[in-house]
């Protein structure tokens, strides 16, 4: 008998539960997002065997099956769906803890996963991120470009840079700058087909229609003195890529509705002519991010940097005495 220790205190302590490793949770979320072990391994820079092992370890640790595996697809079990929700919260909390301890507000670090549209992303977001990487060398920046709607949370993005007014209500949006789309065409086209003097005349012209995201195809929604107007347009050429349509406009193939960000230099040079200047379409540039990430140091540093960068560039884009984004 041990002196001075009551019998109840000498009973063995219960074994603490085994907790999953953050790395295993990260691998698990990547497998879900990429819908497969091989694709997840490619993104993580690991082998499929490593990914498979981490999933087995996670399932053993939690004592449950997380995934239904078949030769064609992966599906979450009920426990897998619960684990997915908890994993997102746990890893986000780990990230925020790390940011606080590493003085992330002053020295942003870690991975920043962004997305944007093809044209604006390549021509404007990519150069801005190059400067951001120079400013904050401890950031690891990944940019992906799409011509479709993006699920920020489901696809694992921290931030989307979007042009337009269709802001999903579930996300926080910060306007980086004000911008407009304008009507324009090449002098050759106007010499051949004439210059429209009223909005309704566009219906009789060749218009270069761009199908982007979920916008209505063949209908241009415009504003004049704060009032909404729309016109149905058509033409022999259409595309889902704005830069393709812009090249067609320069070739004299039709009338284009395009952001001043893209056509301002061409208007100055006379390669394009602005039409019906009283009609424009709102095309503000927004930063969108999930609500729980709004307090992230690296995210805040990125958004504030992009806002300053775009306004600086915008200041030099003047067309006929008017700032291009106004």
Protein backbone atom coordinates (compact mmCIF):
# COMPACT_ATOMS: atom_id res chain seq x y z
CA UNK A 1 0.00 0.00 0.00
CA UNK A 2 1.27 3.42 -0.96
CA UNK A 3 1.34 5.65 2.09
CA UNK A 4 -0.58 8.91 2.04
CA UNK A 5 -2.40 8.16 -1.25
CA UNK A 6 -6.08 7.22 -1.01
CA UNK A 7 -7.07 4.09 -2.97
CA UNK A 8 -9.26 6.05 -5.42
CA UNK A 9 -6.31 8.22 -6.45
CA UNK A 10 -4.19 5.16 -7.27
CA UNK A 11 -6.53 3.98 -10.05
CA UNK A 12 -4.95 4.27 -13.53
CA UNK A 13 -5.80 7.46 -15.39
CA UNK A 14 -8.02 7.02 -18.46
CA UNK A 15 -6.18 7.03 -21.78
CA UNK A 16 -6.70 10.37 -23.51
CA UNK A 17 -8.34 10.18 -26.94
CA UNK A 18 -6.05 10.14 -29.98
CA UNK A 19 -6.59 13.33 -31.98
CA UNK A 20 -6.21 13.55 -35.77
CA UNK A 21 -3.17 15.31 -37.17
CA UNK A 22 -3.74 18.62 -38.99
CA UNK A 23 -1.82 17.23 -41.96
CA UNK A 24 -4.24 14.31 -42.23
CA UNK A 25 -7.20 16.69 -42.15
CA UNK A 26 -5.55 18.80 -44.86
CA UNK A 27 -5.02 15.72 -47.06
CA UNK A 28 -8.62 14.64 -46.45
CA UNK A 29 -10.02 18.02 -47.55
CA UNK A 30 -7.80 18.02 -50.62
CA UNK A 31 -9.04 14.56 -51.64
CA UNK A 32 -12.63 15.80 -51.35
CA UNK A 33 -11.97 19.00 -53.30
CA UNK A 34 -10.05 17.24 -56.08
CA UNK A 35 -12.42 14.22 -56.15
CA UNK A 36 -9.63 11.68 -56.15
CA UNK A 37 -6.40 10.48 -54.59
CA UNK A 38 -4.22 11.02 -57.68
CA UNK A 39 -5.42 14.59 -58.25
CA UNK A 40 -4.99 15.37 -54.54
CA UNK A 41 -1.48 13.93 -54.59
CA UNK A 42 -0.59 16.09 -57.58
CA UNK A 43 -1.77 19.27 -55.82
CA UNK A 44 -0.01 18.36 -52.57
CA UNK A 45 3.22 17.40 -54.31
CA UNK A 46 3.06 13.91 -52.82
CA UNK A 47 2.54 10.38 -54.11
CA UNK A 48 -0.90 8.72 -54.27
CA UNK A 49 0.44 6.16 -51.80
CA UNK A 50 1.16 8.92 -49.29
CA UNK A 51 -2.36 10.31 -49.70
CA UNK A 52 -3.91 6.86 -49.29
CA UNK A 53 -1.85 6.24 -46.16
CA UNK A 54 -2.88 9.54 -44.55
CA UNK A 55 -6.55 8.78 -45.20
CA UNK A 56 -6.18 5.32 -43.65
CA UNK A 57 -4.46 6.83 -40.61
CA UNK A 58 -7.23 9.41 -40.26
CA UNK A 59 -9.95 6.77 -40.48
CA UNK A 60 -8.14 4.61 -37.92
CA UNK A 61 -7.67 7.56 -35.59
CA UNK A 62 -11.34 8.51 -35.78
CA UNK A 63 -12.53 4.89 -35.78
CA UNK A 64 -14.85 5.31 -38.73
CA UNK A 65 -14.98 5.11 -42.51
CA UNK A 66 -14.91 8.54 -44.15
CA UNK A 67 -15.07 7.72 -47.85
CA UNK A 68 -16.88 5.28 -50.08
CA UNK A 69 -14.37 4.27 -52.76
CA UNK A 70 -15.38 2.82 -56.14
CA UNK A 71 -13.50 2.49 -59.40
CA UNK A 72 -15.24 5.61 -60.74
CA UNK A 73 -15.76 8.03 -57.88
CA UNK A 74 -15.39 8.94 -54.23
CA UNK A 75 -18.31 9.73 -51.96
CA UNK A 76 -18.42 10.95 -48.38
CA UNK A 77 -20.03 8.83 -45.70
CA UNK A 78 -22.18 10.56 -43.08
CA UNK A 79 -19.20 10.56 -40.72
CA UNK A 80 -17.06 11.83 -43.58
CA UNK A 81 -19.35 14.83 -44.07
CA UNK A 82 -19.22 15.63 -40.33
CA UNK A 83 -15.45 15.30 -40.40
CA UNK A 84 -15.25 17.61 -43.42
CA UNK A 85 -17.11 20.37 -41.58
CA UNK A 86 -14.96 20.02 -38.47
CA UNK A 87 -11.75 19.82 -40.51
CA UNK A 88 -12.52 23.14 -42.20
CA UNK A 89 -13.07 24.81 -38.83
CA UNK A 90 -10.05 23.21 -37.18
CA UNK A 91 -7.60 24.06 -39.95
CA UNK A 92 -8.92 27.60 -40.21
CA UNK A 93 -8.45 28.06 -36.47
CA UNK A 94 -4.92 26.66 -36.73
CA UNK A 95 -4.21 29.10 -39.52
CA UNK A 96 -5.50 32.08 -37.58
CA UNK A 97 -3.49 31.01 -34.53
CA UNK A 98 -0.36 30.78 -36.64
CA UNK A 99 -0.99 34.19 -38.13
CA UNK A 100 -1.36 35.79 -34.73
CA UNK A 101 1.78 34.16 -33.37
CA UNK A 102 3.84 35.03 -36.48
CA UNK A 103 2.78 38.68 -36.53
CA UNK A 104 0.94 38.06 -39.77
CA UNK A 105 -0.62 41.49 -39.78
CA UNK A 106 2.81 43.02 -40.29
CA UNK A 107 4.46 40.12 -42.10
CA UNK A 108 1.86 38.10 -44.07
CA UNK A 109 2.93 34.52 -44.71
CA UNK A 110 1.45 31.22 -45.79
CA UNK A 111 -0.58 30.16 -48.82
CA UNK A 112 -3.02 32.52 -50.52
CA UNK A 113 -5.31 30.83 -53.04
CA UNK A 114 -7.03 33.27 -55.44
CA UNK A 115 -9.19 33.05 -58.54
CA UNK A 116 -10.42 35.44 -61.20
CA UNK A 117 -11.78 35.52 -64.75
CA UNK A 118 -9.62 34.79 -67.79
CA UNK A 119 -9.21 38.28 -69.24
CA UNK A 120 -9.10 40.44 -66.12
CA UNK A 121 -7.13 37.82 -64.24
CA UNK A 122 -4.40 37.52 -66.86
CA UNK A 123 -4.12 41.19 -67.77
CA UNK A 124 -4.61 42.89 -64.41
CA UNK A 125 -4.69 40.51 -61.42
CA UNK A 126 -1.56 38.57 -62.40
CA UNK A 127 0.68 41.68 -62.68
CA UNK A 128 -0.70 42.95 -59.36
CA UNK A 129 0.10 39.65 -57.66
CA UNK A 130 3.63 39.80 -59.02
CA UNK A 131 4.08 43.06 -57.13
CA UNK A 132 2.37 41.58 -54.07
CA UNK A 133 4.85 38.69 -54.06
CA UNK A 134 7.69 41.18 -54.18
CA UNK A 135 6.23 43.13 -51.26
CA UNK A 136 5.55 40.03 -49.13
CA UNK A 137 8.09 37.32 -50.03
CA UNK A 138 6.82 34.95 -47.32
CA UNK A 139 3.47 34.59 -49.09
CA UNK A 140 2.90 31.60 -51.36
CA UNK A 141 0.40 32.84 -53.96
CA UNK A 142 -1.65 30.55 -56.20
CA UNK A 143 -3.86 32.07 -58.92
CA UNK A 144 -6.43 30.14 -60.97
CA UNK A 145 -8.47 31.60 -63.84
CA UNK A 146 -12.01 30.51 -64.83
CA UNK A 147 -14.91 31.57 -67.04
CA UNK A 148 -17.49 30.15 -64.61
CA UNK A 149 -19.00 30.77 -61.21
CA UNK A 150 -16.74 29.62 -58.37
CA UNK A 151 -17.65 28.14 -54.99
CA UNK A 152 -15.01 29.79 -52.79
CA UNK A 153 -15.45 27.55 -49.77
CA UNK A 154 -16.12 24.30 -51.60
CA UNK A 155 -13.16 24.77 -53.96
CA UNK A 156 -10.77 26.00 -51.29
CA UNK A 157 -10.23 29.60 -52.40
CA UNK A 158 -9.35 32.42 -50.02
CA UNK A 159 -10.25 35.23 -52.39
CA UNK A 160 -11.91 35.93 -55.73
CA UNK A 161 -11.32 39.07 -57.80
CA UNK A 162 -14.53 39.57 -59.77
CA UNK A 163 -15.69 42.16 -62.28
CA UNK A 164 -19.40 42.98 -62.21
CA UNK A 165 -22.28 43.54 -59.83
CA UNK A 166 -23.39 39.94 -59.18
CA UNK A 167 -22.06 39.59 -55.64
CA UNK A 168 -23.17 36.40 -53.81
CA UNK A 169 -24.87 37.31 -50.51
CA UNK A 170 -22.99 34.62 -48.55
CA UNK A 171 -19.63 36.34 -49.09
CA UNK A 172 -18.14 39.62 -47.98
CA UNK A 173 -17.40 41.95 -50.88
CA UNK A 174 -15.05 44.90 -50.95
CA UNK A 175 -15.07 47.17 -53.98
CA UNK A 176 -11.49 47.66 -55.15
CA UNK A 177 -12.37 50.29 -57.76
CA UNK A 178 -15.26 51.63 -59.81
CA UNK A 179 -15.30 50.68 -63.46
CA UNK A 180 -17.63 50.73 -66.48
CA UNK A 181 -18.11 48.82 -69.71
CA UNK A 182 -18.59 50.94 -72.83
CA UNK A 183 -19.70 50.41 -76.42
CA UNK A 184 -17.02 50.70 -79.09
CA UNK A 185 -16.08 49.60 -82.59
CA UNK A 186 -13.22 49.94 -85.06
CA UNK A 187 -13.23 52.85 -87.55
CA UNK A 188 -13.29 50.34 -90.44
CA UNK A 189 -16.52 48.80 -89.19
CA UNK A 190 -18.18 52.18 -88.72
CA UNK A 191 -17.10 53.31 -92.19
CA UNK A 192 -18.68 50.19 -93.65
CA UNK A 193 -21.86 49.91 -91.57
CA UNK A 194 -22.41 53.40 -90.18
CA UNK A 195 -22.36 54.78 -86.64
CA UNK A 196 -25.42 53.99 -84.47
CA UNK A 197 -27.12 57.10 -83.08
CA UNK A 198 -29.65 55.36 -80.80
CA UNK A 199 -29.57 52.25 -78.64
CA UNK A 200 -32.26 50.50 -80.72
CA UNK A 201 -30.02 50.69 -83.80
CA UNK A 202 -27.70 48.12 -82.23
CA UNK A 203 -30.26 45.46 -83.15
CA UNK A 204 -29.40 46.04 -86.82
CA UNK A 205 -25.63 45.88 -86.29
CA UNK A 206 -23.16 43.03 -85.93
CA UNK A 207 -22.47 42.84 -82.19
CA UNK A 208 -19.72 40.76 -80.65
CA UNK A 209 -21.44 38.89 -77.84
CA UNK A 210 -19.45 37.50 -74.91
CA UNK A 211 -20.92 34.69 -72.80
CA UNK A 212 -19.46 35.01 -69.31
CA UNK A 213 -20.54 33.20 -66.14
CA UNK A 214 -24.33 33.11 -65.81
CA UNK A 215 -25.07 36.36 -67.65
CA UNK A 216 -27.92 36.36 -70.17
CA UNK A 217 -26.57 35.68 -73.64
CA UNK A 218 -27.38 38.26 -76.32
CA UNK A 219 -28.86 40.91 -74.02
CA UNK A 220 -26.86 43.99 -73.09
CA UNK A 221 -28.11 45.58 -69.85
CA UNK A 222 -27.01 49.22 -69.79
CA UNK A 223 -27.55 52.37 -67.76
CA UNK A 224 -28.24 55.95 -68.81
CA UNK A 225 -28.54 58.70 -66.20
CA UNK A 226 -29.20 56.06 -63.54
CA UNK A 227 -32.01 54.42 -65.54
CA UNK A 228 -31.80 50.80 -66.71
CA UNK A 229 -32.01 50.00 -70.42
CA UNK A 230 -31.52 46.77 -72.32
CA UNK A 231 -31.15 45.81 -75.95
CA UNK A 232 -31.12 42.43 -77.65
CA UNK A 233 -28.06 42.04 -79.83
CA UNK A 234 -26.70 39.43 -82.20
CA UNK A 235 -23.98 38.90 -84.75
CA UNK A 236 -22.11 36.21 -86.66
CA UNK A 237 -19.33 36.05 -84.07
CA UNK A 238 -19.59 35.28 -80.33
CA UNK A 239 -17.26 33.82 -77.72
CA UNK A 240 -16.88 33.03 -74.02
CA UNK A 241 -13.53 34.85 -73.95
CA UNK A 242 -13.41 38.65 -73.86
CA UNK A 243 -9.96 38.94 -75.42
CA UNK A 244 -11.15 37.00 -78.47
CA UNK A 245 -14.08 39.38 -78.92
CA UNK A 246 -11.78 42.36 -78.47
CA UNK A 247 -9.52 41.12 -81.26
CA UNK A 248 -12.56 40.68 -83.51
CA UNK A 249 -13.56 44.28 -82.76
CA UNK A 250 -10.09 45.48 -83.75
CA UNK A 251 -10.46 43.48 -86.96
CA UNK A 252 -13.60 45.48 -87.77
CA UNK A 253 -16.02 42.60 -87.24
CA UNK A 254 -18.57 44.37 -85.05
CA UNK A 255 -19.56 46.43 -82.01
CA UNK A 256 -18.19 45.45 -78.61
CA UNK A 257 -19.27 46.06 -75.00
CA UNK A 258 -16.02 46.00 -73.07
CA UNK A 259 -14.48 47.34 -69.88
CA UNK A 260 -12.67 50.66 -70.08
CA UNK A 261 -9.80 48.89 -68.33
CA UNK A 262 -9.23 46.98 -71.55
CA UNK A 263 -10.12 49.49 -74.25
CA UNK A 264 -8.85 52.78 -72.80
CA UNK A 265 -5.46 52.61 -74.60
CA UNK A 266 -7.15 51.57 -77.84
CA UNK A 267 -9.57 54.51 -77.63
CA UNK A 268 -6.67 56.89 -77.05
CA UNK A 269 -4.84 55.49 -80.06
CA UNK A 270 -7.92 55.70 -82.28
CA UNK A 271 -7.98 51.97 -82.98
CA UNK A 272 -11.44 51.87 -81.45
CA UNK A 273 -14.17 54.54 -81.32
CA UNK A 274 -16.53 54.91 -78.40
CA UNK A 275 -20.24 54.74 -79.31
CA UNK A 276 -23.34 56.06 -77.55
CA UNK A 277 -21.23 57.33 -74.62
CA UNK A 278 -24.31 58.09 -72.53
CA UNK A 279 -24.86 54.32 -72.17
CA UNK A 280 -22.58 52.27 -69.92
CA UNK A 281 -22.68 49.07 -67.90
CA UNK A 282 -21.45 48.85 -64.27
CA UNK A 283 -18.34 46.68 -64.04
CA UNK A 284 -16.81 47.43 -60.65
CA UNK A 285 -13.90 45.29 -59.50
CA UNK A 286 -14.62 43.39 -56.28
CA UNK A 287 -12.67 41.30 -53.84
CA UNK A 288 -14.87 38.48 -52.50
CA UNK A 289 -13.98 36.24 -49.57
CA UNK A 290 -15.76 33.97 -47.06
CA UNK A 291 -16.88 35.76 -43.93
CA UNK A 292 -14.61 33.91 -41.47
CA UNK A 293 -11.55 34.91 -43.45
CA UNK A 294 -12.15 38.61 -43.20
CA UNK A 295 -9.93 38.74 -40.09
CA UNK A 296 -7.03 36.92 -41.76
CA UNK A 297 -3.86 38.98 -41.75
CA UNK A 298 -2.62 37.73 -45.11
CA UNK A 299 -6.04 38.24 -46.70
CA UNK A 300 -6.36 41.75 -45.39
CA UNK A 301 -2.85 42.62 -46.58
CA UNK A 302 -3.66 41.24 -50.04
CA UNK A 303 -6.98 43.06 -50.40
CA UNK A 304 -5.55 46.39 -49.25
CA UNK A 305 -2.58 45.99 -51.56
CA UNK A 306 -4.80 45.21 -54.57
CA UNK A 307 -7.05 48.16 -53.79
CA UNK A 308 -4.08 50.54 -53.73
CA UNK A 309 -2.55 48.96 -56.83
CA UNK A 310 -5.69 49.19 -58.96
CA UNK A 311 -6.38 52.77 -57.95
CA UNK A 312 -2.80 53.69 -58.82
CA UNK A 313 -3.12 52.10 -62.26
CA UNK A 314 -6.55 53.60 -62.74
CA UNK A 315 -5.17 57.07 -62.13
CA UNK A 316 -3.10 56.80 -65.29
CA UNK A 317 -5.94 55.59 -67.50
CA UNK A 318 -7.49 58.79 -68.84
CA UNK A 319 -9.69 58.94 -71.90
CA UNK A 320 -10.77 62.36 -73.16
CA UNK A 321 -10.22 63.89 -69.73
CA UNK A 322 -12.24 61.18 -67.95
CA UNK A 323 -10.69 58.64 -65.65
CA UNK A 324 -11.24 55.24 -67.21
CA UNK A 325 -12.90 53.76 -64.16
CA UNK A 326 -15.33 56.59 -63.58
